[in-house]
């Protein structure tokens, strides 16, 4: 079954989808190994991990697509990918959808910010007119090769125009054919509860980011959400752990796992996790 179809069936069964954020092929493999049914690629984490820069519209579509391919190839679970603004007008959106779909994403979200966009949990955002975004959503729906590819319409209007305007925008985007609606930058329980209440028959996605109250998965499910994404769940701990390890190395002159026993345990685990024995067997099979 295709990854697009897998995600479609999860939504059809009203199965609550928890998608940890991934930013590299290794984290994609780790999320799959942990048993999660889906993963999420954010622009924030892609910008940070590939460029070492903030999410301020500095990434190109080509750079985003490179990460989509790497993540999708690394794990057999659906990938929800950040499609920014679609990288231009409605025609650019059509191309972006086709490219993301070919690259292996099962879904992508497109937002109504002006370019250059920024992370949905950052200040100083601006949004395009609602009718212009409606056209872009229609183009996204028409541009996909398979109806199983999930189009997610995101609005950043809560911070700019307020909750009522954001809900009005999402209603228009759903009417234009979006499969899932997504209000980013939610900061209060009113924001969180009102979106799924307003759209009981349309799947709703929530970004559990720094500004959003960190409700447990069970409560988000009860509120009526269909998908919850956690962009920083992998990159945050990785950065903190690496920073701590480097500080200790600088202080002591001895890296962690320098002891032969610990180093061998890590080496063995890592090689098994990356399927080194299977690749060794293939080398033997095809050697000359």
C-alpha atoms as a PDB file:
ATOM      1  CA  UNK A   1       0.000   0.000   0.000  1.00  0.00           C
ATOM      2  CA  UNK A   2       1.333   3.445  -0.900  1.00  0.00           C
ATOM      3  CA  UNK A   3       2.215   5.853   1.876  1.00  0.00           C
ATOM      4  CA  UNK A   4      -0.422   8.262   0.536  1.00  0.00           C
ATOM      5  CA  UNK A   5      -3.025   5.535   0.881  1.00  0.00           C
ATOM      6  CA  UNK A   6      -1.808   4.661   4.377  1.00  0.00           C
ATOM      7  CA  UNK A   7      -2.397   8.211   5.592  1.00  0.00           C
ATOM      8  CA  UNK A   8      -5.737   8.430   3.784  1.00  0.00           C
ATOM      9  CA  UNK A   9      -6.928   5.281   5.501  1.00  0.00           C
ATOM     10  CA  UNK A  10      -5.793   6.533   8.917  1.00  0.00           C
ATOM     11  CA  UNK A  11      -7.889   9.665   8.395  1.00  0.00           C
ATOM     12  CA  UNK A  12     -10.848   7.673   7.057  1.00  0.00           C
ATOM     13  CA  UNK A  13     -10.774   5.430  10.136  1.00  0.00           C
ATOM     14  CA  UNK A  14     -10.608   8.553  12.320  1.00  0.00           C
ATOM     15  CA  UNK A  15      -7.398   7.179  13.756  1.00  0.00           C
ATOM     16  CA  UNK A  16      -5.595   9.907  15.698  1.00  0.00           C
ATOM     17  CA  UNK A  17      -2.266  10.432  13.926  1.00  0.00           C
ATOM     18  CA  UNK A  18       0.756  11.453  16.014  1.00  0.00           C
ATOM     19  CA  UNK A  19       3.609  12.617  13.782  1.00  0.00           C
ATOM     20  CA  UNK A  20       6.961  13.343  15.481  1.00  0.00           C
ATOM     21  CA  UNK A  21       9.151  15.867  13.721  1.00  0.00           C
ATOM     22  CA  UNK A  22      12.087  14.479  11.742  1.00  0.00           C
ATOM     23  CA  UNK A  23      14.906  16.412  10.115  1.00  0.00           C
ATOM     24  CA  UNK A  24      17.289  13.722   8.833  1.00  0.00           C
ATOM     25  CA  UNK A  25      17.149  10.207   7.467  1.00  0.00           C
ATOM     26  CA  UNK A  26      18.485   8.946  10.795  1.00  0.00           C
ATOM     27  CA  UNK A  27      15.681  10.568  12.808  1.00  0.00           C
ATOM     28  CA  UNK A  28      13.153   9.189  10.309  1.00  0.00           C
ATOM     29  CA  UNK A  29      14.486   5.688  10.976  1.00  0.00           C
ATOM     30  CA  UNK A  30      14.388   6.289  14.729  1.00  0.00           C
ATOM     31  CA  UNK A  31      10.764   7.472  14.632  1.00  0.00           C
ATOM     32  CA  UNK A  32       9.757   4.417  12.622  1.00  0.00           C
ATOM     33  CA  UNK A  33      11.676   2.102  14.968  1.00  0.00           C
ATOM     34  CA  UNK A  34       9.857   3.668  17.931  1.00  0.00           C
ATOM     35  CA  UNK A  35       6.564   2.533  16.421  1.00  0.00           C
ATOM     36  CA  UNK A  36       5.021   5.809  15.274  1.00  0.00           C
ATOM     37  CA  UNK A  37       2.709   5.502  12.232  1.00  0.00           C
ATOM     38  CA  UNK A  38       3.658   8.826  10.643  1.00  0.00           C
ATOM     39  CA  UNK A  39       6.372  11.515  10.640  1.00  0.00           C
ATOM     40  CA  UNK A  40       6.569  15.227   9.977  1.00  0.00           C
ATOM     41  CA  UNK A  41       9.172  17.409   8.253  1.00  0.00           C
ATOM     42  CA  UNK A  42       9.128  21.069   9.262  1.00  0.00           C
ATOM     43  CA  UNK A  43      10.760  24.008   7.551  1.00  0.00           C
ATOM     44  CA  UNK A  44      12.131  25.142  10.899  1.00  0.00           C
ATOM     45  CA  UNK A  45      14.014  21.904  11.521  1.00  0.00           C
ATOM     46  CA  UNK A  46      15.114  21.614   7.901  1.00  0.00           C
ATOM     47  CA  UNK A  47      16.539  25.145   7.939  1.00  0.00           C
ATOM     48  CA  UNK A  48      18.272  24.535  11.262  1.00  0.00           C
ATOM     49  CA  UNK A  49      19.721  21.137  10.359  1.00  0.00           C
ATOM     50  CA  UNK A  50      20.750  21.762   6.748  1.00  0.00           C
ATOM     51  CA  UNK A  51      21.691  25.451   6.803  1.00  0.00           C
ATOM     52  CA  UNK A  52      22.153  26.257  10.483  1.00  0.00           C
ATOM     53  CA  UNK A  53      19.768  29.168   9.895  1.00  0.00           C
ATOM     54  CA  UNK A  54      16.354  30.223  11.254  1.00  0.00           C
ATOM     55  CA  UNK A  55      13.068  29.549   9.466  1.00  0.00           C
ATOM     56  CA  UNK A  56      12.697  32.942   7.771  1.00  0.00           C
ATOM     57  CA  UNK A  57      11.997  31.920   4.188  1.00  0.00           C
ATOM     58  CA  UNK A  58      15.662  31.248   3.446  1.00  0.00           C
ATOM     59  CA  UNK A  59      15.186  27.693   2.172  1.00  0.00           C
ATOM     60  CA  UNK A  60      14.389  27.080  -1.489  1.00  0.00           C
ATOM     61  CA  UNK A  61      11.926  24.488  -2.743  1.00  0.00           C
ATOM     62  CA  UNK A  62      14.886  22.504  -4.129  1.00  0.00           C
ATOM     63  CA  UNK A  63      16.455  22.292  -0.674  1.00  0.00           C
ATOM     64  CA  UNK A  64      13.157  21.265   0.913  1.00  0.00           C
ATOM     65  CA  UNK A  65      12.612  18.596  -1.737  1.00  0.00           C
ATOM     66  CA  UNK A  66      16.041  17.139  -1.058  1.00  0.00           C
ATOM     67  CA  UNK A  67      15.055  16.564   2.554  1.00  0.00           C
ATOM     68  CA  UNK A  68      11.644  15.179   1.576  1.00  0.00           C
ATOM     69  CA  UNK A  69      13.369  12.528  -0.556  1.00  0.00           C
ATOM     70  CA  UNK A  70      15.871  11.602   2.135  1.00  0.00           C
ATOM     71  CA  UNK A  71      13.232  11.274   4.849  1.00  0.00           C
ATOM     72  CA  UNK A  72      10.741   9.387   2.711  1.00  0.00           C
ATOM     73  CA  UNK A  73      13.391   6.932   1.507  1.00  0.00           C
ATOM     74  CA  UNK A  74      14.569   6.263   5.074  1.00  0.00           C
ATOM     75  CA  UNK A  75      11.319   4.940   6.557  1.00  0.00           C
ATOM     76  CA  UNK A  76       8.235   3.104   5.263  1.00  0.00           C
ATOM     77  CA  UNK A  77       5.732   5.363   7.037  1.00  0.00           C
ATOM     78  CA  UNK A  78       3.863   8.379   5.621  1.00  0.00           C
ATOM     79  CA  UNK A  79       5.621  11.737   5.656  1.00  0.00           C
ATOM     80  CA  UNK A  80       3.717  14.977   6.177  1.00  0.00           C
ATOM     81  CA  UNK A  81       5.875  17.763   4.757  1.00  0.00           C
ATOM     82  CA  UNK A  82       5.966  21.506   5.208  1.00  0.00           C
ATOM     83  CA  UNK A  83       5.322  23.108   1.809  1.00  0.00           C
ATOM     84  CA  UNK A  84       5.743  26.692   3.020  1.00  0.00           C
ATOM     85  CA  UNK A  85       3.641  29.015   0.825  1.00  0.00           C
ATOM     86  CA  UNK A  86       3.885  26.793  -2.236  1.00  0.00           C
ATOM     87  CA  UNK A  87       6.841  28.946  -3.371  1.00  0.00           C
ATOM     88  CA  UNK A  88       4.881  31.487  -5.362  1.00  0.00           C
ATOM     89  CA  UNK A  89       1.483  31.898  -6.987  1.00  0.00           C
ATOM     90  CA  UNK A  90      -1.077  29.242  -7.868  1.00  0.00           C
ATOM     91  CA  UNK A  91       1.021  27.909 -10.733  1.00  0.00           C
ATOM     92  CA  UNK A  92       4.028  27.533  -8.441  1.00  0.00           C
ATOM     93  CA  UNK A  93       1.795  25.708  -5.985  1.00  0.00           C
ATOM     94  CA  UNK A  94       0.773  23.207  -8.664  1.00  0.00           C
ATOM     95  CA  UNK A  95       4.413  22.483  -9.416  1.00  0.00           C
ATOM     96  CA  UNK A  96       5.309  22.236  -5.729  1.00  0.00           C
ATOM     97  CA  UNK A  97       2.559  19.680  -5.127  1.00  0.00           C
ATOM     98  CA  UNK A  98       3.710  17.562  -8.045  1.00  0.00           C
ATOM     99  CA  UNK A  99       7.334  17.706  -6.897  1.00  0.00           C
ATOM    100  CA  UNK A 100       6.537  16.886  -3.257  1.00  0.00           C
ATOM    101  CA  UNK A 101       4.360  13.984  -4.357  1.00  0.00           C
ATOM    102  CA  UNK A 102       7.091  12.630  -6.654  1.00  0.00           C
ATOM    103  CA  UNK A 103       9.656  13.051  -3.876  1.00  0.00           C
ATOM    104  CA  UNK A 104       7.687  10.679  -1.641  1.00  0.00           C
ATOM    105  CA  UNK A 105       5.624  12.866   0.675  1.00  0.00           C
ATOM    106  CA  UNK A 106       2.173  11.558   1.578  1.00  0.00           C
ATOM    107  CA  UNK A 107       0.884  15.023   2.452  1.00  0.00           C
ATOM    108  CA  UNK A 108       1.982  18.639   2.416  1.00  0.00           C
ATOM    109  CA  UNK A 109       0.677  21.767   4.076  1.00  0.00           C
ATOM    110  CA  UNK A 110       0.545  25.119   2.322  1.00  0.00           C
ATOM    111  CA  UNK A 111       0.209  28.327   4.303  1.00  0.00           C
ATOM    112  CA  UNK A 112      -1.309  31.736   3.652  1.00  0.00           C
ATOM    113  CA  UNK A 113       1.688  33.800   4.733  1.00  0.00           C
ATOM    114  CA  UNK A 114       3.327  36.387   2.524  1.00  0.00           C
ATOM    115  CA  UNK A 115       6.785  35.489   1.249  1.00  0.00           C
ATOM    116  CA  UNK A 116       9.333  35.513   2.770  1.00  0.00           C
ATOM    117  CA  UNK A 117       7.452  33.478   5.319  1.00  0.00           C
ATOM    118  CA  UNK A 118       8.595  32.597   8.815  1.00  0.00           C
ATOM    119  CA  UNK A 119       7.998  29.931  11.430  1.00  0.00           C
ATOM    120  CA  UNK A 120       4.377  29.950  12.552  1.00  0.00           C
ATOM    121  CA  UNK A 121       5.451  30.509  16.153  1.00  0.00           C
ATOM    122  CA  UNK A 122       7.515  33.604  15.346  1.00  0.00           C
ATOM    123  CA  UNK A 123       6.347  37.225  15.408  1.00  0.00           C
ATOM    124  CA  UNK A 124       5.935  39.696  12.518  1.00  0.00           C
ATOM    125  CA  UNK A 125       3.954  37.458  10.185  1.00  0.00           C
ATOM    126  CA  UNK A 126       1.810  38.746   7.328  1.00  0.00           C
ATOM    127  CA  UNK A 127      -0.905  36.933   5.385  1.00  0.00           C
ATOM    128  CA  UNK A 128      -2.091  37.157   1.799  1.00  0.00           C
ATOM    129  CA  UNK A 129      -5.754  37.897   0.938  1.00  0.00           C
ATOM    130  CA  UNK A 130      -8.124  35.036   1.636  1.00  0.00           C
ATOM    131  CA  UNK A 131      -9.320  34.788  -1.966  1.00  0.00           C
ATOM    132  CA  UNK A 132      -5.759  34.502  -3.242  1.00  0.00           C
ATOM    133  CA  UNK A 133      -5.137  31.588  -0.891  1.00  0.00           C
ATOM    134  CA  UNK A 134      -8.388  29.940  -1.973  1.00  0.00           C
ATOM    135  CA  UNK A 135      -7.028  29.938  -5.526  1.00  0.00           C
ATOM    136  CA  UNK A 136      -3.775  28.392  -4.349  1.00  0.00           C
ATOM    137  CA  UNK A 137      -5.620  25.588  -2.542  1.00  0.00           C
ATOM    138  CA  UNK A 138      -7.682  24.871  -5.639  1.00  0.00           C
ATOM    139  CA  UNK A 139      -4.472  24.738  -7.660  1.00  0.00           C
ATOM    140  CA  UNK A 140      -2.929  22.348  -5.115  1.00  0.00           C
ATOM    141  CA  UNK A 141      -5.922  19.999  -5.340  1.00  0.00           C
ATOM    142  CA  UNK A 142      -5.875  20.079  -9.144  1.00  0.00           C
ATOM    143  CA  UNK A 143      -2.097  19.651  -9.265  1.00  0.00           C
ATOM    144  CA  UNK A 144      -1.754  16.346  -7.440  1.00  0.00           C
ATOM    145  CA  UNK A 145      -1.329  13.171  -9.473  1.00  0.00           C
ATOM    146  CA  UNK A 146      -3.205  10.977  -6.992  1.00  0.00           C
ATOM    147  CA  UNK A 147      -6.283  11.858  -4.997  1.00  0.00           C
ATOM    148  CA  UNK A 148      -4.681   9.982  -2.110  1.00  0.00           C
ATOM    149  CA  UNK A 149      -2.086  12.762  -1.744  1.00  0.00           C
ATOM    150  CA  UNK A 150      -3.317  14.834   1.208  1.00  0.00           C
ATOM    151  CA  UNK A 151      -3.545  18.616   0.857  1.00  0.00           C
ATOM    152  CA  UNK A 152      -3.412  20.461   4.190  1.00  0.00           C
ATOM    153  CA  UNK A 153      -4.428  24.132   4.257  1.00  0.00           C
ATOM    154  CA  UNK A 154      -2.669  26.153   6.934  1.00  0.00           C
ATOM    155  CA  UNK A 155      -3.561  29.620   8.138  1.00  0.00           C
ATOM    156  CA  UNK A 156      -1.305  31.894  10.152  1.00  0.00           C
ATOM    157  CA  UNK A 157      -4.062  34.460  10.591  1.00  0.00           C
ATOM    158  CA  UNK A 158      -4.633  33.958  14.325  1.00  0.00           C
ATOM    159  CA  UNK A 159      -1.647  36.157  15.150  1.00  0.00           C
ATOM    160  CA  UNK A 160      -2.445  38.669  12.415  1.00  0.00           C
ATOM    161  CA  UNK A 161      -6.232  38.972  12.168  1.00  0.00           C
ATOM    162  CA  UNK A 162      -7.534  37.056  15.183  1.00  0.00           C
ATOM    163  CA  UNK A 163      -9.308  33.734  15.697  1.00  0.00           C
ATOM    164  CA  UNK A 164     -12.631  34.546  13.933  1.00  0.00           C
ATOM    165  CA  UNK A 165     -10.806  35.580  10.769  1.00  0.00           C
ATOM    166  CA  UNK A 166      -8.614  32.478  10.927  1.00  0.00           C
ATOM    167  CA  UNK A 167     -11.671  30.239  11.218  1.00  0.00           C
ATOM    168  CA  UNK A 168     -13.311  32.036   8.304  1.00  0.00           C
ATOM    169  CA  UNK A 169     -10.198  31.442   6.226  1.00  0.00           C
ATOM    170  CA  UNK A 170     -10.091  27.747   7.101  1.00  0.00           C
ATOM    171  CA  UNK A 171     -13.754  27.402   6.120  1.00  0.00           C
ATOM    172  CA  UNK A 172     -12.972  28.909   2.721  1.00  0.00           C
ATOM    173  CA  UNK A 173      -9.925  26.665   2.283  1.00  0.00           C
ATOM    174  CA  UNK A 174     -11.936  23.562   3.136  1.00  0.00           C
ATOM    175  CA  UNK A 175     -14.541  24.684   0.613  1.00  0.00           C
ATOM    176  CA  UNK A 176     -11.775  24.949  -1.991  1.00  0.00           C
ATOM    177  CA  UNK A 177     -10.972  21.259  -1.524  1.00  0.00           C
ATOM    178  CA  UNK A 178      -8.390  21.046   1.258  1.00  0.00           C
ATOM    179  CA  UNK A 179      -8.420  17.603   2.891  1.00  0.00           C
ATOM    180  CA  UNK A 180      -7.205  18.854   6.288  1.00  0.00           C
ATOM    181  CA  UNK A 181      -7.275  22.293   7.932  1.00  0.00           C
ATOM    182  CA  UNK A 182      -4.537  23.648  10.178  1.00  0.00           C
ATOM    183  CA  UNK A 183      -4.416  26.846  12.252  1.00  0.00           C
ATOM    184  CA  UNK A 184      -0.834  27.489  13.309  1.00  0.00           C
ATOM    185  CA  UNK A 185       0.377  29.623  16.190  1.00  0.00           C
ATOM    186  CA  UNK A 186      -2.401  28.658  18.618  1.00  0.00           C
ATOM    187  CA  UNK A 187      -1.656  30.154  22.029  1.00  0.00           C
ATOM    188  CA  UNK A 188      -4.753  29.578  24.182  1.00  0.00           C
ATOM    189  CA  UNK A 189      -7.223  26.857  25.022  1.00  0.00           C
ATOM    190  CA  UNK A 190      -9.854  28.835  23.117  1.00  0.00           C
ATOM    191  CA  UNK A 191      -7.733  28.626  19.990  1.00  0.00           C
ATOM    192  CA  UNK A 192      -7.150  24.913  20.474  1.00  0.00           C
ATOM    193  CA  UNK A 193     -10.727  23.907  21.234  1.00  0.00           C
ATOM    194  CA  UNK A 194     -12.510  26.148  18.741  1.00  0.00           C
ATOM    195  CA  UNK A 195     -10.879  24.817  15.568  1.00  0.00           C
ATOM    196  CA  UNK A 196     -12.127  21.203  15.762  1.00  0.00           C
ATOM    197  CA  UNK A 197     -15.455  22.404  17.180  1.00  0.00           C
ATOM    198  CA  UNK A 198     -15.930  24.568  14.093  1.00  0.00           C
ATOM    199  CA  UNK A 199     -14.938  21.768  11.706  1.00  0.00           C
ATOM    200  CA  UNK A 200     -16.443  18.528  13.020  1.00  0.00           C
ATOM    201  CA  UNK A 201     -16.497  16.848   9.589  1.00  0.00           C
ATOM    202  CA  UNK A 202     -13.113  18.093   8.324  1.00  0.00           C
ATOM    203  CA  UNK A 203      -9.897  16.605   9.740  1.00  0.00           C
ATOM    204  CA  UNK A 204      -7.963  19.173  11.763  1.00  0.00           C
ATOM    205  CA  UNK A 205      -4.232  19.259  12.415  1.00  0.00           C
ATOM    206  CA  UNK A 206      -2.463  20.929  15.338  1.00  0.00           C
ATOM    207  CA  UNK A 207       1.173  21.929  15.755  1.00  0.00           C
ATOM    208  CA  UNK A 208       2.278  21.283  19.324  1.00  0.00           C
ATOM    209  CA  UNK A 209       4.962  23.950  19.191  1.00  0.00           C
ATOM    210  CA  UNK A 210       6.457  26.374  21.724  1.00  0.00           C
ATOM    211  CA  UNK A 211       3.489  28.781  21.860  1.00  0.00           C
ATOM    212  CA  UNK A 212       0.821  26.088  22.069  1.00  0.00           C
ATOM    213  CA  UNK A 213      -0.232  24.668  25.452  1.00  0.00           C
ATOM    214  CA  UNK A 214       1.350  21.179  25.597  1.00  0.00           C
ATOM    215  CA  UNK A 215      -1.792  19.115  26.017  1.00  0.00           C
ATOM    216  CA  UNK A 216      -1.397  15.334  26.201  1.00  0.00           C
ATOM    217  CA  UNK A 217      -2.196  13.273  23.115  1.00  0.00           C
ATOM    218  CA  UNK A 218      -5.335  11.871  24.758  1.00  0.00           C
ATOM    219  CA  UNK A 219      -6.803  15.341  25.285  1.00  0.00           C
ATOM    220  CA  UNK A 220      -6.068  16.462  21.741  1.00  0.00           C
ATOM    221  CA  UNK A 221      -7.839  13.353  20.497  1.00  0.00           C
ATOM    222  CA  UNK A 222     -10.842  14.057  22.708  1.00  0.00           C
ATOM    223  CA  UNK A 223     -11.023  17.624  21.418  1.00  0.00           C
ATOM    224  CA  UNK A 224     -11.492  16.240  17.915  1.00  0.00           C
ATOM    225  CA  UNK A 225      -8.114  16.659  16.240  1.00  0.00           C
ATOM    226  CA  UNK A 226      -7.117  14.164  13.560  1.00  0.00           C
ATOM    227  CA  UNK A 227      -3.368  14.884  13.401  1.00  0.00           C
ATOM    228  CA  UNK A 228      -0.869  16.290  15.887  1.00  0.00           C
ATOM    229  CA  UNK A 229       2.618  17.249  14.728  1.00  0.00           C
ATOM    230  CA  UNK A 230       5.573  17.675  17.087  1.00  0.00           C
ATOM    231  CA  UNK A 231       8.283  19.427  15.028  1.00  0.00           C
ATOM    232  CA  UNK A 232      10.962  19.725  17.712  1.00  0.00           C
ATOM    233  CA  UNK A 233      10.555  16.413  19.533  1.00  0.00           C
ATOM    234  CA  UNK A 234      13.730  15.009  17.933  1.00  0.00           C
ATOM    235  CA  UNK A 235      15.842  18.065  17.185  1.00  0.00           C
ATOM    236  CA  UNK A 236      15.391  19.678  20.614  1.00  0.00           C
ATOM    237  CA  UNK A 237      16.779  16.787  22.704  1.00  0.00           C
ATOM    238  CA  UNK A 238      19.500  16.154  20.094  1.00  0.00           C
ATOM    239  CA  UNK A 239      20.754  19.740  20.281  1.00  0.00           C
ATOM    240  CA  UNK A 240      20.721  19.792  24.085  1.00  0.00           C
ATOM    241  CA  UNK A 241      22.427  16.413  24.400  1.00  0.00           C
ATOM    242  CA  UNK A 242      25.088  17.297  21.833  1.00  0.00           C
ATOM    243  CA  UNK A 243      25.735  20.656  23.470  1.00  0.00           C
ATOM    244  CA  UNK A 244      26.131  18.944  26.855  1.00  0.00           C
ATOM    245  CA  UNK A 245      28.438  16.268  25.430  1.00  0.00           C
ATOM    246  CA  UNK A 246      30.651  18.867  23.753  1.00  0.00           C
ATOM    247  CA  UNK A 247      30.850  20.994  26.894  1.00  0.00           C
ATOM    248  CA  UNK A 248      31.925  17.963  28.944  1.00  0.00           C
ATOM    249  CA  UNK A 249      34.441  16.970  26.265  1.00  0.00           C
ATOM    250  CA  UNK A 250      35.897  20.494  26.304  1.00  0.00           C
ATOM    251  CA  UNK A 251      36.144  20.448  30.118  1.00  0.00           C
ATOM    252  CA  UNK A 252      37.532  16.953  30.593  1.00  0.00           C
ATOM    253  CA  UNK A 253      39.347  16.251  27.338  1.00  0.00           C
ATOM    254  CA  UNK A 254      37.594  12.884  27.176  1.00  0.00           C
ATOM    255  CA  UNK A 255      34.510  12.344  24.972  1.00  0.00           C
ATOM    256  CA  UNK A 256      31.521  10.373  26.170  1.00  0.00           C
ATOM    257  CA  UNK A 257      31.650   6.666  25.317  1.00  0.00           C
ATOM    258  CA  UNK A 258      35.460   6.830  25.291  1.00  0.00           C
ATOM    259  CA  UNK A 259      35.530   3.773  27.524  1.00  0.00           C
ATOM    260  CA  UNK A 260      36.101   0.710  25.292  1.00  0.00           C
ATOM    261  CA  UNK A 261      33.078  -1.180  26.653  1.00  0.00           C
ATOM    262  CA  UNK A 262      30.615   1.693  26.129  1.00  0.00           C
ATOM    263  CA  UNK A 263      32.074   2.502  22.748  1.00  0.00           C
ATOM    264  CA  UNK A 264      31.680  -1.077  21.552  1.00  0.00           C
ATOM    265  CA  UNK A 265      28.083  -1.206  22.826  1.00  0.00           C
ATOM    266  CA  UNK A 266      27.259   1.965  20.903  1.00  0.00           C
ATOM    267  CA  UNK A 267      29.081   0.740  17.806  1.00  0.00           C
ATOM    268  CA  UNK A 268      27.222  -2.585  17.870  1.00  0.00           C
ATOM    269  CA  UNK A 269      23.822  -0.939  18.345  1.00  0.00           C
ATOM    270  CA  UNK A 270      24.425   1.631  15.632  1.00  0.00           C
ATOM    271  CA  UNK A 271      25.639  -0.923  13.099  1.00  0.00           C
ATOM    272  CA  UNK A 272      22.650  -3.171  13.729  1.00  0.00           C
ATOM    273  CA  UNK A 273      20.254  -0.224  13.553  1.00  0.00           C
ATOM    274  CA  UNK A 274      21.710   0.824  10.185  1.00  0.00           C
ATOM    275  CA  UNK A 275      21.447  -2.761   8.843  1.00  0.00           C
ATOM    276  CA  UNK A 276      25.194  -3.210   8.426  1.00  0.00           C
ATOM    277  CA  UNK A 277      24.922  -7.048   8.641  1.00  0.00           C
ATOM    278  CA  UNK A 278      22.393  -7.056   5.793  1.00  0.00           C
ATOM    279  CA  UNK A 279      24.628  -4.884   3.638  1.00  0.00           C
ATOM    280  CA  UNK A 280      27.620  -7.107   4.432  1.00  0.00           C
ATOM    281  CA  UNK A 281      25.600 -10.101   3.260  1.00  0.00           C
ATOM    282  CA  UNK A 282      24.724  -8.323   0.021  1.00  0.00           C
ATOM    283  CA  UNK A 283      28.378  -7.515  -0.566  1.00  0.00           C
ATOM    284  CA  UNK A 284      29.210 -11.193  -0.189  1.00  0.00           C
ATOM    285  CA  UNK A 285      26.376 -12.164  -2.523  1.00  0.00           C
ATOM    286  CA  UNK A 286      27.540  -9.886  -5.310  1.00  0.00           C
ATOM    287  CA  UNK A 287      31.308  -9.974  -4.836  1.00  0.00           C
ATOM    288  CA  UNK A 288      33.503 -10.965  -7.756  1.00  0.00           C
END
